[in-house]
């Protein structure tokens, strides 16, 4: 945690360092490579872009449950949580033998499980 008294001094030093680096046309991030008029060099810009949310891919959504009455084939509800499925079945005064519960996963869920 930073000391609140030192924060304005650090901000001023960072602004001064940024202004000096842009005047010299070097990378404001690493301070070594030429930036060719941009604020960052190609390597730093690529690294920042690859770490951004834009490149991370599709978000992994949770499962969706569809409750179907087994005798009539009527869809009772589409729900996002298992607890809501239990409430839906109990409010309809049915047992789990009377309904069919379909669980859908997002298409990319199996591909992106370890990707965050």
PDB file of N, CA and C in Angstrom:
ATOM      1  N   UNK A   1       0.844  -1.171   0.000  1.00  0.00           N
ATOM      2  CA  UNK A   1       0.000   0.000   0.000  1.00  0.00           C
ATOM      3  C   UNK A   1       0.895   1.242   0.000  1.00  0.00           C
ATOM      4  N   UNK A   2       0.510   2.220  -0.794  1.00  0.00           N
ATOM      5  CA  UNK A   2       1.335   3.418  -0.900  1.00  0.00           C
ATOM      6  C   UNK A   2       0.940   4.433   0.160  1.00  0.00           C
ATOM      7  N   UNK A   3       1.897   5.227   0.535  1.00  0.00           N
ATOM      8  CA  UNK A   3       1.649   6.273   1.507  1.00  0.00           C
ATOM      9  C   UNK A   3       0.947   7.435   0.799  1.00  0.00           C
ATOM     10  N   UNK A   4      -0.131   7.910   1.368  1.00  0.00           N
ATOM     11  CA  UNK A   4      -0.933   8.963   0.736  1.00  0.00           C
ATOM     12  C   UNK A   4      -0.155  10.270   0.589  1.00  0.00           C
ATOM     13  N   UNK A   5       0.784  10.526   1.481  1.00  0.00           N
ATOM     14  CA  UNK A   5       1.562  11.765   1.402  1.00  0.00           C
ATOM     15  C   UNK A   5       2.545  11.743   0.238  1.00  0.00           C
ATOM     16  N   UNK A   6       3.037  10.562  -0.117  1.00  0.00           N
ATOM     17  CA  UNK A   6       4.014  10.436  -1.189  1.00  0.00           C
ATOM     18  C   UNK A   6       3.373  10.318  -2.571  1.00  0.00           C
ATOM     19  N   UNK A   7       2.072  10.069  -2.632  1.00  0.00           N
ATOM     20  CA  UNK A   7       1.405   9.829  -3.912  1.00  0.00           C
ATOM     21  C   UNK A   7       1.493  11.024  -4.867  1.00  0.00           C
ATOM     22  N   UNK A   8       1.245  12.260  -4.445  1.00  0.00           N
ATOM     23  CA  UNK A   8       1.388  13.387  -5.389  1.00  0.00           C
ATOM     24  C   UNK A   8       2.798  13.524  -5.944  1.00  0.00           C
ATOM     25  N   UNK A   9       3.804  13.232  -5.131  1.00  0.00           N
ATOM     26  CA  UNK A   9       5.195  13.307  -5.591  1.00  0.00           C
ATOM     27  C   UNK A   9       5.448  12.228  -6.643  1.00  0.00           C
ATOM     28  N   UNK A  10       4.926  11.033  -6.394  1.00  0.00           N
ATOM     29  CA  UNK A  10       5.093   9.941  -7.357  1.00  0.00           C
ATOM     30  C   UNK A  10       4.359  10.246  -8.661  1.00  0.00           C
ATOM     31  N   UNK A  11       3.160  10.801  -8.566  1.00  0.00           N
ATOM     32  CA  UNK A  11       2.410  11.166  -9.774  1.00  0.00           C
ATOM     33  C   UNK A  11       3.164  12.214 -10.589  1.00  0.00           C
ATOM     34  N   UNK A  12       3.727  13.201  -9.909  1.00  0.00           N
ATOM     35  CA  UNK A  12       4.485  14.251 -10.612  1.00  0.00           C
ATOM     36  C   UNK A  12       5.723  13.661 -11.274  1.00  0.00           C
ATOM     37  N   UNK A  13       6.402  12.755 -10.591  1.00  0.00           N
ATOM     38  CA  UNK A  13       7.592  12.126 -11.168  1.00  0.00           C
ATOM     39  C   UNK A  13       7.208  11.273 -12.385  1.00  0.00           C
ATOM     40  N   UNK A  14       6.098  10.565 -12.304  1.00  0.00           N
ATOM     41  CA  UNK A  14       5.653   9.742 -13.431  1.00  0.00           C
ATOM     42  C   UNK A  14       5.290  10.615 -14.630  1.00  0.00           C
ATOM     43  N   UNK A  15       4.616  11.739 -14.379  1.00  0.00           N
ATOM     44  CA  UNK A  15       4.269  12.652 -15.472  1.00  0.00           C
ATOM     45  C   UNK A  15       5.519  13.253 -16.115  1.00  0.00           C
ATOM     46  N   UNK A  16       6.484  13.617 -15.288  1.00  0.00           N
ATOM     47  CA  UNK A  16       7.725  14.184 -15.799  1.00  0.00           C
ATOM     48  C   UNK A  16       8.479  13.141 -16.648  1.00  0.00           C
ATOM     49  N   UNK A  17       8.563  11.904 -16.152  1.00  0.00           N
ATOM     50  CA  UNK A  17       9.240  10.829 -16.878  1.00  0.00           C
ATOM     51  C   UNK A  17       8.526  10.556 -18.204  1.00  0.00           C
ATOM     52  N   UNK A  18       7.197  10.566 -18.202  1.00  0.00           N
ATOM     53  CA  UNK A  18       6.420  10.348 -19.427  1.00  0.00           C
ATOM     54  C   UNK A  18       6.697  11.451 -20.445  1.00  0.00           C
ATOM     55  N   UNK A  19       6.721  12.712 -19.972  1.00  0.00           N
ATOM     56  CA  UNK A  19       6.973  13.846 -20.872  1.00  0.00           C
ATOM     57  C   UNK A  19       8.385  13.784 -21.456  1.00  0.00           C
ATOM     58  N   UNK A  20       9.358  13.407 -20.630  1.00  0.00           N
ATOM     59  CA  UNK A  20      10.733  13.295 -21.124  1.00  0.00           C
ATOM     60  C   UNK A  20      10.854  12.203 -22.186  1.00  0.00           C
ATOM     61  N   UNK A  21      10.223  11.083 -21.951  1.00  0.00           N
ATOM     62  CA  UNK A  21      10.308   9.971 -22.898  1.00  0.00           C
ATOM     63  C   UNK A  21       9.576  10.275 -24.200  1.00  0.00           C
ATOM     64  N   UNK A  22       8.438  10.944 -24.133  1.00  0.00           N
ATOM     65  CA  UNK A  22       7.746  11.296 -25.379  1.00  0.00           C
ATOM     66  C   UNK A  22       8.530  12.343 -26.161  1.00  0.00           C
ATOM     67  N   UNK A  23       9.204  13.254 -25.472  1.00  0.00           N
ATOM     68  CA  UNK A  23      10.019  14.254 -26.164  1.00  0.00           C
ATOM     69  C   UNK A  23      11.192  13.593 -26.885  1.00  0.00           C
ATOM     70  N   UNK A  24      11.759  12.556 -26.294  1.00  0.00           N
ATOM     71  CA  UNK A  24      12.866  11.829 -26.916  1.00  0.00           C
ATOM     72  C   UNK A  24      12.388  10.787 -27.926  1.00  0.00           C
ATOM     73  N   UNK A  25      11.072  10.591 -28.020  1.00  0.00           N
ATOM     74  CA  UNK A  25      10.447   9.601 -28.913  1.00  0.00           C
ATOM     75  C   UNK A  25      10.917   8.175 -28.604  1.00  0.00           C
ATOM     76  N   UNK A  26      10.998   7.876 -27.301  1.00  0.00           N
ATOM     77  CA  UNK A  26      11.270   6.501 -26.895  1.00  0.00           C
ATOM     78  C   UNK A  26      10.048   5.960 -26.162  1.00  0.00           C
ATOM     79  N   UNK A  27      10.026   4.678 -25.973  1.00  0.00           N
ATOM     80  CA  UNK A  27       8.878   4.008 -25.371  1.00  0.00           C
ATOM     81  C   UNK A  27       8.648   4.523 -23.947  1.00  0.00           C
ATOM     82  N   UNK A  28       7.401   4.896 -23.647  1.00  0.00           N
ATOM     83  CA  UNK A  28       7.093   5.405 -22.313  1.00  0.00           C
ATOM     84  C   UNK A  28       6.979   4.284 -21.295  1.00  0.00           C
ATOM     85  N   UNK A  29       6.867   3.051 -21.757  1.00  0.00           N
ATOM     86  CA  UNK A  29       6.731   1.918 -20.844  1.00  0.00           C
ATOM     87  C   UNK A  29       8.100   1.362 -20.434  1.00  0.00           C
ATOM     88  N   UNK A  30       8.903   0.964 -21.417  1.00  0.00           N
ATOM     89  CA  UNK A  30      10.209   0.366 -21.089  1.00  0.00           C
ATOM     90  C   UNK A  30      11.323   1.412 -21.049  1.00  0.00           C
ATOM     91  N   UNK A  31      11.169   2.525 -21.772  1.00  0.00           N
ATOM     92  CA  UNK A  31      12.168   3.585 -21.764  1.00  0.00           C
ATOM     93  C   UNK A  31      13.420   3.272 -22.546  1.00  0.00           C
ATOM     94  N   UNK A  32      13.389   2.255 -23.393  1.00  0.00           N
ATOM     95  CA  UNK A  32      14.599   1.852 -24.123  1.00  0.00           C
ATOM     96  C   UNK A  32      14.433   1.947 -25.627  1.00  0.00           C
ATOM     97  N   UNK A  33      13.404   1.321 -26.153  1.00  0.00           N
ATOM     98  CA  UNK A  33      13.238   1.208 -27.597  1.00  0.00           C
ATOM     99  C   UNK A  33      12.604   2.461 -28.180  1.00  0.00           C
ATOM    100  N   UNK A  34      12.885   2.753 -29.444  1.00  0.00           N
ATOM    101  CA  UNK A  34      12.226   3.895 -30.098  1.00  0.00           C
ATOM    102  C   UNK A  34      10.749   3.605 -30.310  1.00  0.00           C
ATOM    103  N   UNK A  35       9.917   4.633 -30.163  1.00  0.00           N
ATOM    104  CA  UNK A  35       8.472   4.434 -30.282  1.00  0.00           C
ATOM    105  C   UNK A  35       7.914   4.950 -31.607  1.00  0.00           C
ATOM    106  N   UNK A  36       8.693   5.669 -32.379  1.00  0.00           N
ATOM    107  CA  UNK A  36       8.299   6.176 -33.694  1.00  0.00           C
ATOM    108  C   UNK A  36       7.015   6.997 -33.631  1.00  0.00           C
ATOM    109  N   UNK A  37       6.896   7.850 -32.613  1.00  0.00           N
ATOM    110  CA  UNK A  37       5.760   8.750 -32.488  1.00  0.00           C
ATOM    111  C   UNK A  37       4.620   8.209 -31.644  1.00  0.00           C
ATOM    112  N   UNK A  38       4.572   6.916 -31.392  1.00  0.00           N
ATOM    113  CA  UNK A  38       3.541   6.350 -30.519  1.00  0.00           C
ATOM    114  C   UNK A  38       4.025   6.435 -29.079  1.00  0.00           C
ATOM    115  N   UNK A  39       3.169   6.101 -28.140  1.00  0.00           N
ATOM    116  CA  UNK A  39       3.613   6.166 -26.750  1.00  0.00           C
ATOM    117  C   UNK A  39       4.427   4.939 -26.353  1.00  0.00           C
ATOM    118  N   UNK A  40       4.183   3.792 -27.008  1.00  0.00           N
ATOM    119  CA  UNK A  40       4.912   2.569 -26.681  1.00  0.00           C
ATOM    120  C   UNK A  40       5.600   2.007 -27.910  1.00  0.00           C
ATOM    121  N   UNK A  41       6.666   1.253 -27.675  1.00  0.00           N
ATOM    122  CA  UNK A  41       7.332   0.570 -28.787  1.00  0.00           C
ATOM    123  C   UNK A  41       6.467  -0.623 -29.219  1.00  0.00           C
ATOM    124  N   UNK A  42       6.838  -1.242 -30.320  1.00  0.00           N
ATOM    125  CA  UNK A  42       6.033  -2.351 -30.832  1.00  0.00           C
ATOM    126  C   UNK A  42       5.962  -3.507 -29.856  1.00  0.00           C
ATOM    127  N   UNK A  43       7.055  -3.851 -29.219  1.00  0.00           N
ATOM    128  CA  UNK A  43       7.065  -4.990 -28.291  1.00  0.00           C
ATOM    129  C   UNK A  43       6.158  -4.734 -27.087  1.00  0.00           C
ATOM    130  N   UNK A  44       6.242  -3.550 -26.499  1.00  0.00           N
ATOM    131  CA  UNK A  44       5.402  -3.232 -25.338  1.00  0.00           C
ATOM    132  C   UNK A  44       3.936  -3.127 -25.738  1.00  0.00           C
ATOM    133  N   UNK A  45       3.666  -2.548 -26.907  1.00  0.00           N
ATOM    134  CA  UNK A  45       2.284  -2.435 -27.370  1.00  0.00           C
ATOM    135  C   UNK A  45       1.692  -3.814 -27.638  1.00  0.00           C
ATOM    136  N   UNK A  46       2.471  -4.710 -28.249  1.00  0.00           N
ATOM    137  CA  UNK A  46       1.985  -6.070 -28.513  1.00  0.00           C
ATOM    138  C   UNK A  46       1.729  -6.809 -27.201  1.00  0.00           C
ATOM    139  N   UNK A  47       2.629  -6.665 -26.249  1.00  0.00           N
ATOM    140  CA  UNK A  47       2.472  -7.329 -24.955  1.00  0.00           C
ATOM    141  C   UNK A  47       1.220  -6.812 -24.230  1.00  0.00           C
ATOM    142  N   UNK A  48       0.987  -5.513 -24.260  1.00  0.00           N
ATOM    143  CA  UNK A  48      -0.197  -4.946 -23.620  1.00  0.00           C
ATOM    144  C   UNK A  48      -1.471  -5.406 -24.325  1.00  0.00           C
ATOM    145  N   UNK A  49      -1.431  -5.494 -25.653  1.00  0.00           N
ATOM    146  CA  UNK A  49      -2.606  -5.932 -26.411  1.00  0.00           C
ATOM    147  C   UNK A  49      -2.926  -7.397 -26.121  1.00  0.00           C
ATOM    148  N   UNK A  50      -1.896  -8.230 -26.043  1.00  0.00           N
ATOM    149  CA  UNK A  50      -2.128  -9.650 -25.800  1.00  0.00           C
ATOM    150  C   UNK A  50      -2.631  -9.920 -24.393  1.00  0.00           C
ATOM    151  N   UNK A  51      -2.371  -9.037 -23.465  1.00  0.00           N
ATOM    152  CA  UNK A  51      -2.878  -9.195 -22.097  1.00  0.00           C
ATOM    153  C   UNK A  51      -4.261  -8.585 -21.917  1.00  0.00           C
ATOM    154  N   UNK A  52      -4.758  -7.867 -22.900  1.00  0.00           N
ATOM    155  CA  UNK A  52      -6.026  -7.164 -22.754  1.00  0.00           C
ATOM    156  C   UNK A  52      -7.207  -8.126 -22.842  1.00  0.00           C
ATOM    157  N   UNK A  53      -8.379  -7.638 -22.454  1.00  0.00           N
ATOM    158  CA  UNK A  53      -9.610  -8.424 -22.493  1.00  0.00           C
ATOM    159  C   UNK A  53     -10.013  -8.742 -23.928  1.00  0.00           C
ATOM    160  N   UNK A  54      -9.573  -7.929 -24.870  1.00  0.00           N
ATOM    161  CA  UNK A  54      -9.951  -8.116 -26.266  1.00  0.00           C
ATOM    162  C   UNK A  54      -9.453  -9.446 -26.816  1.00  0.00           C
ATOM    163  N   UNK A  55      -8.305  -9.907 -26.371  1.00  0.00           N
ATOM    164  CA  UNK A  55      -7.678 -11.097 -26.921  1.00  0.00           C
ATOM    165  C   UNK A  55      -8.048 -12.357 -26.141  1.00  0.00           C
ATOM    166  N   UNK A  56      -8.581 -12.215 -24.964  1.00  0.00           N
ATOM    167  CA  UNK A  56      -8.814 -13.369 -24.103  1.00  0.00           C
ATOM    168  C   UNK A  56      -9.892 -14.319 -24.602  1.00  0.00           C
ATOM    169  N   UNK A  57     -10.685 -13.932 -25.528  1.00  0.00           N
ATOM    170  CA  UNK A  57     -11.676 -14.845 -26.078  1.00  0.00           C
ATOM    171  C   UNK A  57     -13.049 -14.660 -25.475  1.00  0.00           C
ATOM    172  N   UNK A  58     -13.929 -15.586 -25.819  1.00  0.00           N
ATOM    173  CA  UNK A  58     -15.305 -15.526 -25.347  1.00  0.00           C
ATOM    174  C   UNK A  58     -15.388 -15.816 -23.860  1.00  0.00           C
ATOM    175  N   UNK A  59     -16.287 -15.124 -23.160  1.00  0.00           N
ATOM    176  CA  UNK A  59     -16.462 -15.448 -21.753  1.00  0.00           C
ATOM    177  C   UNK A  59     -17.158 -16.798 -21.606  1.00  0.00           C
ATOM    178  N   UNK A  60     -16.864 -17.473 -20.525  1.00  0.00           N
ATOM    179  CA  UNK A  60     -17.495 -18.763 -20.271  1.00  0.00           C
ATOM    180  C   UNK A  60     -18.747 -18.509 -19.446  1.00  0.00           C
ATOM    181  N   UNK A  61     -19.874 -18.790 -20.026  1.00  0.00           N
ATOM    182  CA  UNK A  61     -21.138 -18.604 -19.337  1.00  0.00           C
ATOM    183  C   UNK A  61     -21.502 -19.870 -18.593  1.00  0.00           C
ATOM    184  N   UNK A  62     -22.337 -19.738 -17.589  1.00  0.00           N
ATOM    185  CA  UNK A  62     -22.782 -20.881 -16.808  1.00  0.00           C
ATOM    186  C   UNK A  62     -23.777 -21.729 -17.587  1.00  0.00           C
ATOM    187  N   UNK A  63     -24.193 -22.793 -16.955  1.00  0.00           N
ATOM    188  CA  UNK A  63     -25.146 -23.696 -17.579  1.00  0.00           C
ATOM    189  C   UNK A  63     -26.536 -23.084 -17.587  1.00  0.00           C
ATOM    190  N   UNK A  64     -27.369 -23.603 -18.454  1.00  0.00           N
ATOM    191  CA  UNK A  64     -28.774 -23.211 -18.490  1.00  0.00           C
ATOM    192  C   UNK A  64     -29.602 -24.485 -18.396  1.00  0.00           C
ATOM    193  N   UNK A  65     -30.600 -24.439 -17.564  1.00  0.00           N
ATOM    194  CA  UNK A  65     -31.461 -25.598 -17.348  1.00  0.00           C
ATOM    195  C   UNK A  65     -32.830 -25.331 -17.951  1.00  0.00           C
ATOM    196  N   UNK A  66     -33.362 -26.308 -18.651  1.00  0.00           N
ATOM    197  CA  UNK A  66     -34.712 -26.232 -19.186  1.00  0.00           C
ATOM    198  C   UNK A  66     -35.530 -27.322 -18.514  1.00  0.00           C
ATOM    199  N   UNK A  67     -36.647 -26.915 -17.895  1.00  0.00           N
ATOM    200  CA  UNK A  67     -37.520 -27.860 -17.207  1.00  0.00           C
ATOM    201  C   UNK A  67     -38.701 -28.151 -18.126  1.00  0.00           C
ATOM    202  N   UNK A  68     -38.860 -29.442 -18.488  1.00  0.00           N
ATOM    203  CA  UNK A  68     -39.909 -29.871 -19.413  1.00  0.00           C
ATOM    204  C   UNK A  68     -40.818 -30.858 -18.683  1.00  0.00           C
ATOM    205  N   UNK A  69     -42.138 -30.635 -18.773  1.00  0.00           N
ATOM    206  CA  UNK A  69     -43.096 -31.581 -18.202  1.00  0.00           C
ATOM    207  C   UNK A  69     -43.077 -32.826 -19.077  1.00  0.00           C
ATOM    208  N   UNK A  70     -42.791 -33.978 -18.494  1.00  0.00           N
ATOM    209  CA  UNK A  70     -42.588 -35.207 -19.259  1.00  0.00           C
ATOM    210  C   UNK A  70     -43.861 -35.694 -19.944  1.00  0.00           C
ATOM    211  N   UNK A  71     -45.019 -35.539 -19.316  1.00  0.00           N
ATOM    212  CA  UNK A  71     -46.273 -36.068 -19.876  1.00  0.00           C
ATOM    213  C   UNK A  71     -46.769 -35.221 -21.038  1.00  0.00           C
ATOM    214  N   UNK A  72     -46.684 -33.898 -20.925  1.00  0.00           N
ATOM    215  CA  UNK A  72     -47.244 -33.014 -21.947  1.00  0.00           C
ATOM    216  C   UNK A  72     -46.197 -32.488 -22.927  1.00  0.00           C
ATOM    217  N   UNK A  73     -44.936 -32.508 -22.536  1.00  0.00           N
ATOM    218  CA  UNK A  73     -43.883 -31.945 -23.387  1.00  0.00           C
ATOM    219  C   UNK A  73     -43.805 -30.440 -23.308  1.00  0.00           C
ATOM    220  N   UNK A  74     -44.533 -29.860 -22.367  1.00  0.00           N
ATOM    221  CA  UNK A  74     -44.577 -28.408 -22.195  1.00  0.00           C
ATOM    222  C   UNK A  74     -43.321 -27.926 -21.459  1.00  0.00           C
ATOM    223  N   UNK A  75     -42.719 -26.870 -21.962  1.00  0.00           N
ATOM    224  CA  UNK A  75     -41.553 -26.281 -21.302  1.00  0.00           C
ATOM    225  C   UNK A  75     -42.062 -25.412 -20.160  1.00  0.00           C
ATOM    226  N   UNK A  76     -41.682 -25.778 -18.951  1.00  0.00           N
ATOM    227  CA  UNK A  76     -42.135 -25.014 -17.787  1.00  0.00           C
ATOM    228  C   UNK A  76     -41.316 -23.743 -17.597  1.00  0.00           C
ATOM    229  N   UNK A  77     -39.994 -23.851 -17.760  1.00  0.00           N
ATOM    230  CA  UNK A  77     -39.163 -22.657 -17.565  1.00  0.00           C
ATOM    231  C   UNK A  77     -37.732 -22.915 -18.038  1.00  0.00           C
ATOM    232  N   UNK A  78     -37.024 -21.839 -18.359  1.00  0.00           N
ATOM    233  CA  UNK A  78     -35.578 -21.862 -18.638  1.00  0.00           C
ATOM    234  C   UNK A  78     -34.907 -21.123 -17.495  1.00  0.00           C
ATOM    235  N   UNK A  79     -33.999 -21.798 -16.808  1.00  0.00           N
ATOM    236  CA  UNK A  79     -33.409 -21.230 -15.600  1.00  0.00           C
ATOM    237  C   UNK A  79     -31.885 -21.328 -15.653  1.00  0.00           C
ATOM    238  N   UNK A  80     -31.228 -20.490 -14.851  1.00  0.00           N
ATOM    239  CA  UNK A  80     -29.773 -20.448 -14.848  1.00  0.00           C
ATOM    240  C   UNK A  80     -29.145 -21.194 -13.684  1.00  0.00           C
ATOM    241  N   UNK A  81     -29.886 -21.415 -12.599  1.00  0.00           N
ATOM    242  CA  UNK A  81     -29.326 -22.038 -11.404  1.00  0.00           C
ATOM    243  C   UNK A  81     -30.112 -23.284 -11.035  1.00  0.00           C
ATOM    244  N   UNK A  82     -29.409 -24.263 -10.474  1.00  0.00           N
ATOM    245  CA  UNK A  82     -30.046 -25.506 -10.064  1.00  0.00           C
ATOM    246  C   UNK A  82     -31.078 -25.259  -8.959  1.00  0.00           C
ATOM    247  N   UNK A  83     -30.815 -24.326  -8.078  1.00  0.00           N
ATOM    248  CA  UNK A  83     -31.757 -24.011  -7.005  1.00  0.00           C
ATOM    249  C   UNK A  83     -33.076 -23.507  -7.571  1.00  0.00           C
ATOM    250  N   UNK A  84     -33.017 -22.736  -8.655  1.00  0.00           N
ATOM    251  CA  UNK A  84     -34.236 -22.259  -9.301  1.00  0.00           C
ATOM    252  C   UNK A  84     -35.012 -23.410  -9.926  1.00  0.00           C
ATOM    253  N   UNK A  85     -34.297 -24.426 -10.412  1.00  0.00           N
ATOM    254  CA  UNK A  85     -34.958 -25.614 -10.974  1.00  0.00           C
ATOM    255  C   UNK A  85     -35.744 -26.328  -9.877  1.00  0.00           C
ATOM    256  N   UNK A  86     -35.129 -26.483  -8.718  1.00  0.00           N
ATOM    257  CA  UNK A  86     -35.801 -27.140  -7.595  1.00  0.00           C
ATOM    258  C   UNK A  86     -37.039 -26.357  -7.193  1.00  0.00           C
ATOM    259  N   UNK A  87     -36.932 -25.037  -7.127  1.00  0.00           N
ATOM    260  CA  UNK A  87     -38.094 -24.212  -6.782  1.00  0.00           C
ATOM    261  C   UNK A  87     -39.192 -24.305  -7.836  1.00  0.00           C
ATOM    262  N   UNK A  88     -38.811 -24.317  -9.104  1.00  0.00           N
ATOM    263  CA  UNK A  88     -39.786 -24.414 -10.191  1.00  0.00           C
ATOM    264  C   UNK A  88     -40.574 -25.717 -10.094  1.00  0.00           C
ATOM    265  N   UNK A  89     -39.865 -26.819  -9.850  1.00  0.00           N
ATOM    266  CA  UNK A  89     -40.527 -28.123  -9.744  1.00  0.00           C
ATOM    267  C   UNK A  89     -41.441 -28.165  -8.520  1.00  0.00           C
ATOM    268  N   UNK A  90     -40.980 -27.598  -7.411  1.00  0.00           N
ATOM    269  CA  UNK A  90     -41.802 -27.631  -6.201  1.00  0.00           C
ATOM    270  C   UNK A  90     -43.018 -26.715  -6.315  1.00  0.00           C
ATOM    271  N   UNK A  91     -42.886 -25.539  -6.954  1.00  0.00           N
ATOM    272  CA  UNK A  91     -44.034 -24.651  -7.124  1.00  0.00           C
ATOM    273  C   UNK A  91     -45.060 -25.224  -8.099  1.00  0.00           C
ATOM    274  N   UNK A  92     -44.582 -26.023  -9.059  1.00  0.00           N
ATOM    275  CA  UNK A  92     -45.507 -26.676  -9.991  1.00  0.00           C
ATOM    276  C   UNK A  92     -46.159 -27.909  -9.372  1.00  0.00           C
ATOM    277  N   UNK A  93     -45.757 -28.240  -8.141  1.00  0.00           N
ATOM    278  CA  UNK A  93     -46.285 -29.387  -7.389  1.00  0.00           C
ATOM    279  C   UNK A  93     -46.073 -30.681  -8.160  1.00  0.00           C
ATOM    280  N   UNK A  94     -44.851 -30.815  -8.689  1.00  0.00           N
ATOM    281  CA  UNK A  94     -44.460 -32.009  -9.426  1.00  0.00           C
ATOM    282  C   UNK A  94     -43.275 -32.650  -8.722  1.00  0.00           C
ATOM    283  N   UNK A  95     -42.996 -33.892  -9.047  1.00  0.00           N
ATOM    284  CA  UNK A  95     -41.785 -34.536  -8.551  1.00  0.00           C
ATOM    285  C   UNK A  95     -40.759 -34.569  -9.688  1.00  0.00           C
ATOM    286  N   UNK A  96     -39.543 -34.959  -9.371  1.00  0.00           N
ATOM    287  CA  UNK A  96     -38.510 -35.029 -10.402  1.00  0.00           C
ATOM    288  C   UNK A  96     -38.781 -36.159 -11.383  1.00  0.00           C
ATOM    289  N   UNK A  97     -39.648 -37.096 -11.030  1.00  0.00           N
ATOM    290  CA  UNK A  97     -40.037 -38.158 -11.956  1.00  0.00           C
ATOM    291  C   UNK A  97     -40.994 -37.636 -13.023  1.00  0.00           C
ATOM    292  N   UNK A  98     -41.680 -36.526 -12.732  1.00  0.00           N
ATOM    293  CA  UNK A  98     -42.680 -35.973 -13.653  1.00  0.00           C
ATOM    294  C   UNK A  98     -42.075 -35.004 -14.661  1.00  0.00           C
ATOM    295  N   UNK A  99     -40.843 -34.584 -14.443  1.00  0.00           N
ATOM    296  CA  UNK A  99     -40.228 -33.592 -15.325  1.00  0.00           C
ATOM    297  C   UNK A  99     -38.937 -34.138 -15.906  1.00  0.00           C
ATOM    298  N   UNK A 100     -38.547 -33.514 -17.010  1.00  0.00           N
ATOM    299  CA  UNK A 100     -37.258 -33.804 -17.622  1.00  0.00           C
ATOM    300  C   UNK A 100     -36.452 -32.513 -17.564  1.00  0.00           C
ATOM    301  N   UNK A 101     -35.230 -32.615 -17.093  1.00  0.00           N
ATOM    302  CA  UNK A 101     -34.385 -31.427 -16.938  1.00  0.00           C
ATOM    303  C   UNK A 101     -33.251 -31.524 -17.942  1.00  0.00           C
ATOM    304  N   UNK A 102     -33.212 -30.564 -18.849  1.00  0.00           N
ATOM    305  CA  UNK A 102     -32.171 -30.509 -19.880  1.00  0.00           C
ATOM    306  C   UNK A 102     -31.155 -29.457 -19.463  1.00  0.00           C
ATOM    307  N   UNK A 103     -29.894 -29.831 -19.492  1.00  0.00           N
ATOM    308  CA  UNK A 103     -28.835 -28.913 -19.109  1.00  0.00           C
ATOM    309  C   UNK A 103     -27.995 -28.579 -20.332  1.00  0.00           C
ATOM    310  N   UNK A 104     -27.877 -27.287 -20.617  1.00  0.00           N
ATOM    311  CA  UNK A 104     -27.092 -26.839 -21.759  1.00  0.00           C
ATOM    312  C   UNK A 104     -25.872 -26.081 -21.272  1.00  0.00           C
ATOM    313  N   UNK A 105     -24.754 -26.369 -21.905  1.00  0.00           N
ATOM    314  CA  UNK A 105     -23.518 -25.643 -21.626  1.00  0.00           C
ATOM    315  C   UNK A 105     -23.242 -24.699 -22.781  1.00  0.00           C
ATOM    316  N   UNK A 106     -22.475 -23.654 -22.499  1.00  0.00           N
ATOM    317  CA  UNK A 106     -22.033 -22.756 -23.566  1.00  0.00           C
ATOM    318  C   UNK A 106     -21.163 -23.549 -24.534  1.00  0.00           C
ATOM    319  N   UNK A 107     -21.204 -23.253 -25.826  1.00  0.00           N
ATOM    320  CA  UNK A 107     -20.458 -24.027 -26.817  1.00  0.00           C
ATOM    321  C   UNK A 107     -18.957 -24.085 -26.564  1.00  0.00           C
ATOM    322  N   UNK A 108     -18.382 -23.014 -26.027  1.00  0.00           N
ATOM    323  CA  UNK A 108     -16.935 -22.960 -25.830  1.00  0.00           C
ATOM    324  C   UNK A 108     -16.533 -23.380 -24.418  1.00  0.00           C
ATOM    325  N   UNK A 109     -17.474 -23.844 -23.607  1.00  0.00           N
ATOM    326  CA  UNK A 109     -17.181 -24.162 -22.203  1.00  0.00           C
ATOM    327  C   UNK A 109     -16.102 -25.242 -22.086  1.00  0.00           C
ATOM    328  N   UNK A 110     -16.178 -26.289 -22.883  1.00  0.00           N
ATOM    329  CA  UNK A 110     -15.202 -27.365 -22.763  1.00  0.00           C
ATOM    330  C   UNK A 110     -13.836 -26.949 -23.279  1.00  0.00           C
ATOM    331  N   UNK A 111     -13.800 -25.989 -24.198  1.00  0.00           N
ATOM    332  CA  UNK A 111     -12.522 -25.549 -24.774  1.00  0.00           C
ATOM    333  C   UNK A 111     -11.822 -24.577 -23.849  1.00  0.00           C
ATOM    334  N   UNK A 112     -12.584 -23.703 -23.183  1.00  0.00           N
ATOM    335  CA  UNK A 112     -11.992 -22.604 -22.425  1.00  0.00           C
ATOM    336  C   UNK A 112     -11.990 -22.820 -20.920  1.00  0.00           C
ATOM    337  N   UNK A 113     -12.128 -24.036 -20.440  1.00  0.00           N
ATOM    338  CA  UNK A 113     -12.212 -24.233 -19.009  1.00  0.00           C
ATOM    339  C   UNK A 113     -10.949 -23.810 -18.274  1.00  0.00           C
ATOM    340  N   UNK A 114      -9.784 -24.005 -18.846  1.00  0.00           N
ATOM    341  CA  UNK A 114      -8.550 -23.628 -18.182  1.00  0.00           C
ATOM    342  C   UNK A 114      -8.025 -22.290 -18.628  1.00  0.00           C
ATOM    343  N   UNK A 115      -8.774 -21.556 -19.406  1.00  0.00           N
ATOM    344  CA  UNK A 115      -8.325 -20.299 -19.988  1.00  0.00           C
ATOM    345  C   UNK A 115      -8.995 -19.153 -19.273  1.00  0.00           C
ATOM    346  N   UNK A 116      -8.225 -18.292 -18.637  1.00  0.00           N
ATOM    347  CA  UNK A 116      -8.847 -17.156 -17.962  1.00  0.00           C
ATOM    348  C   UNK A 116      -8.039 -15.898 -18.150  1.00  0.00           C
TER     349      UNK A 116
END
